Amino acid sequence: MEDGGTSLLARPWRQTLTMNKIFRSCLIPLLAAGMAFGAVASPAAAKSRIKDIVEFEGVRDNMLVGYGLVVGLNGTGDTLDNSAFTRQSLSAMPERLGVNTRDAKLNTKNVAAVMVTAKLPGFAATGSPVDVAVSALGDAKSLLGGSLLVTPLLGADGEAYAVAQGTVQTGSVSAGGASGSTVTRGVPTAGRIASGGVVEREVGFQMGSLLTVRLTLKNPDFSTSRRIADAINARYSGSATSDNPTIVTVRAPAGLDMVSFLTAAEQLEVEPDNSARVVIDEVSGVIVMGSDVRISTVAIAQGNLTISVQETPQVSQPRSARARPPSPLRPP
């Protein structure tokens, strides 16, 4: 049966679609309110190990830097007329190997001057491999396929702590057509050499001889700093002091060296204190709320639907046994 050209059977479906739209538009506010009340009702108490939320004094990477040459490029190196440092380095390098090129006029595009950087891990032993990054210093077009010659890597004190050498991997792709057009993906003038560096000198840091060590919180907080000190003192009395929101100073108890003490202390668990936070993804409409988020009296209106959140304090006081009415007697 039809009424005015519209099927009567189609009306319930249209009503259903309309209601679905209303529910979708109100789903986010409902989830927000529900998650907030859930957070109030049952707050999460996730604990973390101390080693996961702090950094130990002295246990850190050290930056290294060096200057070197990349050779074997396919005509994509520096232009010697525009890069004086490349020309001087190219003349000095063969002389160290016994080849005199001082009066020769060099004209090659297969060499590029580069800066080499690396991170020296804390307590890295002599002979340990490290990854190095290589970046063009002149007007080289690409470092793809080139080989880095032996390059000393210096620390902030000017001493060489590692040497680097190897084939440079850029991870870029370049293509060109007969018309001269080119397409490049990635950065061809910067690359890396996996395990291309070798540690030649260790950092002189003796943790075992320290009397005190400072623990640095990754997320500074007064409550978390105090909880870390309390957790350590509960296990080793008087061994930790909360100096400020960032620093907790620890000292090894009698009978333990610093390394053994930190090995045991870093496994202790504490509950970090996090600030109340709400994260909203405006694209997908997903709302993520922390356990400390609270919601006050609020009203949400969307179309014909209204949601109101309010608090009504009520006190339930059970009556005493004397105030209870007597129970009816059962017949014998």
Protein backbone atom coordinates (compact mmCIF):
# COMPACT_ATOMS: atom_id res chain seq x y z
CA MET A 1 0.00 0.00 0.00
CA GLU A 2 1.26 3.47 -0.84
CA ASP A 3 0.29 6.85 0.53
CA GLY A 4 1.19 9.91 -1.57
CA GLY A 5 3.70 7.89 -3.62
CA THR A 6 5.63 6.69 -0.54
CA SER A 7 5.58 3.11 0.63
CA LEU A 8 4.29 2.66 4.15
CA LEU A 9 6.86 -0.09 4.66
CA ALA A 10 9.68 2.42 4.05
CA ARG A 11 8.64 4.73 6.90
CA PRO A 12 9.96 2.55 9.76
CA TRP A 13 13.30 2.25 7.95
CA ARG A 14 13.55 6.04 7.60
CA GLN A 15 12.73 6.46 11.27
CA THR A 16 15.40 3.93 12.12
CA LEU A 17 17.98 5.80 10.04
CA THR A 18 17.04 9.07 11.73
CA MET A 19 17.44 7.50 15.17
CA ASN A 20 20.80 6.02 14.12
CA LYS A 21 22.01 9.49 13.19
CA ILE A 22 20.90 10.82 16.57
CA PHE A 23 22.62 8.00 18.42
CA ARG A 24 25.83 8.48 16.43
CA SER A 25 25.85 12.20 17.11
CA CYS A 26 25.30 11.61 20.84
CA LEU A 27 27.60 8.61 21.21
CA ILE A 28 30.68 10.70 21.98
CA PRO A 29 29.06 12.70 24.84
CA LEU A 30 27.64 9.47 26.29
CA LEU A 31 31.04 7.79 26.16
CA ALA A 32 32.66 10.83 27.75
CA ALA A 33 30.19 10.84 30.64
CA GLY A 34 30.39 7.08 31.09
CA MET A 35 34.18 7.02 31.09
CA ALA A 36 34.29 9.87 33.59
CA PHE A 37 31.93 8.11 36.01
CA GLY A 38 33.85 4.88 35.50
CA ALA A 39 37.06 6.67 36.39
CA VAL A 40 35.49 7.97 39.60
CA ALA A 41 34.06 4.60 40.55
CA SER A 42 37.14 2.46 40.01
CA PRO A 43 40.38 4.43 39.52
CA ALA A 44 43.24 2.50 37.93
CA ALA A 45 46.36 1.87 39.99
CA ALA A 46 49.05 0.93 37.50
CA LYS A 47 52.54 0.61 38.94
CA SER A 48 55.82 1.00 37.11
CA ARG A 49 59.34 -0.06 37.90
CA ILE A 50 61.67 2.70 39.02
CA LYS A 51 64.02 1.96 36.11
CA ASP A 52 61.21 2.77 33.64
CA ILE A 53 60.48 6.27 34.94
CA VAL A 54 63.93 7.61 35.87
CA GLU A 55 67.36 8.14 34.35
CA PHE A 56 70.48 7.24 36.34
CA GLU A 57 73.22 9.81 36.74
CA GLY A 58 76.15 9.02 34.46
CA VAL A 59 74.30 6.38 32.44
CA ARG A 60 73.83 8.30 29.18
CA ASP A 61 75.01 8.57 25.58
CA ASN A 62 77.94 10.78 24.58
CA MET A 63 77.89 12.66 21.27
CA LEU A 64 80.74 12.13 18.81
CA VAL A 65 81.52 14.05 15.61
CA GLY A 66 84.09 13.76 12.84
CA TYR A 67 85.03 15.05 9.38
CA GLY A 68 85.71 12.65 6.54
CA LEU A 69 85.55 11.88 2.84
CA VAL A 70 83.15 9.67 0.92
CA VAL A 71 84.64 8.25 -2.27
CA GLY A 72 83.34 6.10 -5.11
CA LEU A 73 80.36 8.27 -6.01
CA ASN A 74 78.94 8.05 -9.53
CA GLY A 75 79.59 11.67 -10.53
CA THR A 76 77.40 13.01 -7.71
CA GLY A 77 80.17 14.33 -5.45
CA ASP A 78 81.30 17.85 -4.60
CA THR A 79 82.37 20.37 -7.23
CA LEU A 80 86.00 21.03 -6.29
CA ASP A 81 85.88 24.62 -7.55
CA ASN A 82 83.01 25.39 -5.17
CA SER A 83 84.19 23.31 -2.19
CA ALA A 84 87.65 24.41 -1.06
CA PHE A 85 87.62 22.10 1.97
CA THR A 86 86.97 19.09 -0.28
CA ARG A 87 89.88 20.01 -2.54
CA GLN A 88 92.26 20.49 0.40
CA SER A 89 91.18 17.22 2.00
CA LEU A 90 91.56 15.38 -1.30
CA SER A 91 95.11 16.71 -1.66
CA ALA A 92 96.13 15.90 1.93
CA MET A 93 94.68 12.39 2.04
CA PRO A 94 96.95 10.83 -0.65
CA GLU A 95 100.02 12.52 0.90
CA ARG A 96 99.42 10.62 4.15
CA LEU A 97 99.57 7.46 2.05
CA GLY A 98 102.79 8.47 0.29
CA VAL A 99 101.31 9.99 -2.90
CA ASN A 100 102.30 13.59 -3.78
CA THR A 101 99.45 15.48 -5.49
CA ARG A 102 100.23 18.99 -4.32
CA ASP A 103 101.00 20.41 -7.80
CA ALA A 104 98.38 18.37 -9.65
CA LYS A 105 95.10 19.91 -10.74
CA LEU A 106 92.38 17.68 -9.40
CA ASN A 107 89.06 17.59 -11.21
CA THR A 108 86.80 14.84 -9.98
CA LYS A 109 83.16 14.54 -8.96
CA ASN A 110 83.43 11.20 -7.20
CA VAL A 111 84.41 12.58 -3.78
CA ALA A 112 82.29 14.38 -1.17
CA ALA A 113 83.21 15.95 2.15
CA VAL A 114 80.92 14.76 4.94
CA MET A 115 80.27 15.21 8.64
CA VAL A 116 80.05 11.98 10.59
CA THR A 117 78.14 11.76 13.88
CA ALA A 118 77.53 8.94 16.35
CA LYS A 119 76.38 8.26 19.90
CA LEU A 120 78.74 6.54 22.29
CA PRO A 121 76.60 4.47 24.71
CA GLY A 122 77.32 4.62 28.39
CA PHE A 123 79.86 2.01 29.54
CA ALA A 124 80.61 0.98 25.94
CA ALA A 125 83.69 -1.29 25.91
CA THR A 126 86.61 -1.03 23.52
CA GLY A 127 85.77 -2.78 20.26
CA SER A 128 82.00 -2.36 20.56
CA PRO A 129 80.25 -1.40 17.28
CA VAL A 130 78.16 1.76 17.00
CA ASP A 131 75.95 3.14 14.23
CA VAL A 132 77.09 6.32 12.48
CA ALA A 133 75.26 8.96 10.46
CA VAL A 134 76.83 10.61 7.42
CA SER A 135 75.75 14.01 5.99
CA ALA A 136 77.11 15.89 2.97
CA LEU A 137 78.97 19.09 3.75
CA GLY A 138 79.38 20.50 0.23
CA ASP A 139 77.25 20.58 -2.91
CA ALA A 140 77.19 16.81 -3.53
CA LYS A 141 74.04 15.55 -5.24
CA SER A 142 73.96 12.12 -3.64
CA LEU A 143 76.00 9.85 -1.33
CA LEU A 144 74.39 6.68 -2.64
CA GLY A 145 76.94 3.91 -3.22
CA GLY A 146 79.86 5.82 -1.71
CA SER A 147 82.30 4.53 0.90
CA LEU A 148 83.39 6.49 3.93
CA LEU A 149 87.14 6.43 4.53
CA VAL A 150 88.53 5.92 8.02
CA THR A 151 87.32 8.86 10.09
CA PRO A 152 88.14 9.50 13.77
CA LEU A 153 85.15 10.52 15.89
CA LEU A 154 85.87 13.07 18.59
CA GLY A 155 84.12 13.82 21.86
CA ALA A 156 83.45 17.19 23.48
CA ASP A 157 86.93 17.07 25.05
CA GLY A 158 88.62 16.78 21.62
CA GLU A 159 89.74 13.19 22.18
CA ALA A 160 89.03 10.41 19.66
CA TYR A 161 86.74 7.76 21.11
CA ALA A 162 85.79 5.84 17.95
CA VAL A 163 86.61 5.45 14.25
CA ALA A 164 84.14 4.97 11.41
CA GLN A 165 84.33 3.45 7.96
CA GLY A 166 82.00 1.66 5.57
CA THR A 167 79.49 1.90 2.74
CA VAL A 168 76.89 4.64 3.06
CA GLN A 169 73.22 3.62 2.81
CA THR A 170 70.91 6.55 2.06
CA GLY A 171 67.54 4.82 1.70
CA SER A 172 66.57 7.23 -1.08
CA VAL A 173 65.42 6.51 -4.63
CA SER A 174 66.13 8.69 -7.69
CA ALA A 175 64.90 8.24 -11.26
CA GLY A 176 65.37 10.33 -14.39
CA GLY A 177 63.87 10.41 -17.86
CA ALA A 178 65.18 11.17 -21.35
CA SER A 179 63.67 14.65 -21.20
CA GLY A 180 65.85 15.53 -18.21
CA SER A 181 63.14 15.31 -15.57
CA THR A 182 64.04 13.59 -12.32
CA VAL A 183 62.09 12.25 -9.36
CA THR A 184 63.68 11.80 -5.94
CA ARG A 185 62.22 10.16 -2.85
CA GLY A 186 64.04 10.61 0.42
CA VAL A 187 67.22 12.58 1.15
CA PRO A 188 70.14 11.31 -0.95
CA THR A 189 72.71 13.57 0.74
CA ALA A 190 72.36 11.96 4.17
CA GLY A 191 72.74 8.32 5.13
CA ARG A 192 73.95 5.93 7.79
CA ILE A 193 76.34 3.05 8.26
CA ALA A 194 74.98 0.31 10.50
CA SER A 195 77.70 -0.76 12.96
CA GLY A 196 80.12 1.37 10.94
CA GLY A 197 81.93 2.71 13.99
CA VAL A 198 84.21 0.93 16.45
CA VAL A 199 84.83 2.17 20.00
CA GLU A 200 88.55 2.77 20.57
CA ARG A 201 88.44 4.43 23.99
CA GLU A 202 86.17 3.93 26.98
CA VAL A 203 84.68 6.73 29.03
CA GLY A 204 86.41 6.86 32.39
CA PHE A 205 83.38 6.65 34.67
CA GLN A 206 83.46 4.36 37.73
CA MET A 207 79.94 4.05 39.12
CA GLY A 208 80.91 1.49 41.74
CA SER A 209 83.08 4.03 43.56
CA LEU A 210 80.36 6.69 43.90
CA LEU A 211 78.94 7.46 47.33
CA THR A 212 75.67 8.94 46.02
CA VAL A 213 73.78 8.73 42.72
CA ARG A 214 71.00 11.02 41.54
CA LEU A 215 67.91 9.62 39.86
CA THR A 216 66.32 12.01 37.35
CA LEU A 217 62.59 11.65 36.73
CA LYS A 218 61.59 11.59 33.06
CA ASN A 219 58.33 13.38 34.01
CA PRO A 220 59.08 15.64 36.99
CA ASP A 221 56.43 15.49 39.72
CA PHE A 222 56.49 16.11 43.48
CA SER A 223 54.28 13.12 44.32
CA THR A 224 56.16 10.67 42.11
CA SER A 225 59.52 11.84 43.45
CA ARG A 226 58.33 11.32 47.02
CA ARG A 227 56.88 7.89 46.24
CA ILE A 228 60.18 6.74 44.74
CA ALA A 229 62.05 7.83 47.86
CA ASP A 230 59.48 6.13 50.11
CA ALA A 231 59.64 2.88 48.12
CA ILE A 232 63.44 2.75 48.36
CA ASN A 233 63.44 3.66 52.06
CA ALA A 234 60.86 0.97 52.78
CA ARG A 235 63.35 -1.58 51.45
CA TYR A 236 66.60 0.14 52.48
CA SER A 237 65.95 2.51 55.36
CA GLY A 238 67.45 6.00 55.01
CA SER A 239 68.90 5.36 51.55
CA ALA A 240 66.87 7.84 49.45
CA THR A 241 66.00 11.52 49.66
CA SER A 242 63.56 13.44 47.46
CA ASP A 243 65.40 16.67 46.65
CA ASN A 244 62.89 18.21 44.24
CA PRO A 245 60.32 17.10 41.62
CA THR A 246 63.12 15.95 39.33
CA ILE A 247 65.93 14.59 41.53
CA VAL A 248 65.98 11.71 44.01
CA THR A 249 69.37 11.17 45.65
CA VAL A 250 70.24 7.64 46.77
CA ARG A 251 73.18 6.25 48.73
CA ALA A 252 74.16 2.61 49.05
CA PRO A 253 73.43 1.04 52.44
CA ALA A 254 76.12 -0.67 54.46
CA GLY A 255 77.19 -3.99 52.99
CA LEU A 256 76.23 -3.15 49.38
CA ASP A 257 78.19 -1.45 46.65
CA MET A 258 76.48 1.11 44.44
CA VAL A 259 76.00 -1.20 41.44
CA SER A 260 74.38 -3.95 43.52
CA PHE A 261 72.19 -1.42 45.31
CA LEU A 262 70.93 0.18 42.08
CA THR A 263 70.30 -3.26 40.56
CA ALA A 264 67.91 -4.07 43.39
CA ALA A 265 66.38 -0.60 43.73
CA GLU A 266 65.49 -0.21 40.06
CA GLN A 267 63.18 -3.24 40.28
CA LEU A 268 60.99 -1.68 42.98
CA GLU A 269 57.54 -0.63 41.80
CA VAL A 270 55.85 2.72 42.40
CA GLU A 271 52.65 4.31 41.16
CA PRO A 272 53.48 7.47 39.16
CA ASP A 273 51.18 10.40 39.77
CA ASN A 274 49.75 11.71 36.50
CA SER A 275 47.81 14.91 35.95
CA ALA A 276 44.20 14.72 34.78
CA ARG A 277 44.17 14.67 31.00
CA VAL A 278 41.60 14.32 28.22
CA VAL A 279 42.72 13.57 24.64
CA ILE A 280 40.19 14.02 21.82
CA ASP A 281 40.78 12.85 18.24
CA GLU A 282 38.67 15.24 16.20
CA VAL A 283 38.92 13.03 13.09
CA SER A 284 37.66 9.73 14.51
CA GLY A 285 35.83 11.23 17.50
CA VAL A 286 37.66 8.98 19.99
CA ILE A 287 37.99 10.33 23.53
CA VAL A 288 40.66 9.04 25.91
CA MET A 289 40.45 10.12 29.53
CA GLY A 290 42.83 9.54 32.41
CA SER A 291 41.75 7.97 35.67
CA ASP A 292 42.01 11.32 37.50
CA VAL A 293 39.48 13.11 35.28
CA ARG A 294 36.32 14.17 37.10
CA ILE A 295 33.11 15.51 35.61
CA SER A 296 30.92 18.09 37.34
CA THR A 297 27.33 19.10 36.78
CA VAL A 298 26.79 19.44 33.04
CA ALA A 299 24.05 19.36 30.43
CA ILE A 300 24.51 18.12 26.85
CA ALA A 301 21.91 18.85 24.17
CA GLN A 302 21.92 17.37 20.65
CA GLY A 303 18.78 17.78 18.58
CA ASN A 304 15.84 16.43 20.55
CA LEU A 305 18.05 14.52 22.97
CA THR A 306 19.21 16.11 26.24
CA ILE A 307 21.65 14.51 28.70
CA SER A 308 22.02 16.00 32.12
CA VAL A 309 24.61 14.98 34.71
CA GLN A 310 23.94 16.15 38.25
CA GLU A 311 24.82 15.14 41.77
CA THR A 312 22.22 14.57 44.49
CA PRO A 313 23.81 13.95 47.90
CA GLN A 314 21.88 11.31 49.86
CA VAL A 315 22.61 9.76 53.23
CA SER A 316 21.32 6.32 54.12
CA GLN A 317 21.08 5.79 57.85
CA PRO A 318 19.82 2.33 58.89
CA ARG A 319 17.41 2.26 61.80
CA SER A 320 18.48 0.76 65.09
CA ALA A 321 17.07 -2.47 66.37
CA ARG A 322 14.93 -0.63 68.97
CA ALA A 323 13.28 1.56 66.37
CA ARG A 324 12.24 -1.36 64.20
CA PRO A 325 8.56 -2.34 64.39
CA PRO A 326 7.92 -5.68 66.08
CA SER A 327 7.66 -8.59 63.69
CA PRO A 328 4.24 -10.28 63.56
CA LEU A 329 3.92 -13.44 65.58
CA ARG A 330 3.47 -16.59 63.66
CA PRO A 331 0.61 -18.84 64.69
CA PRO A 332 1.72 -21.99 66.45
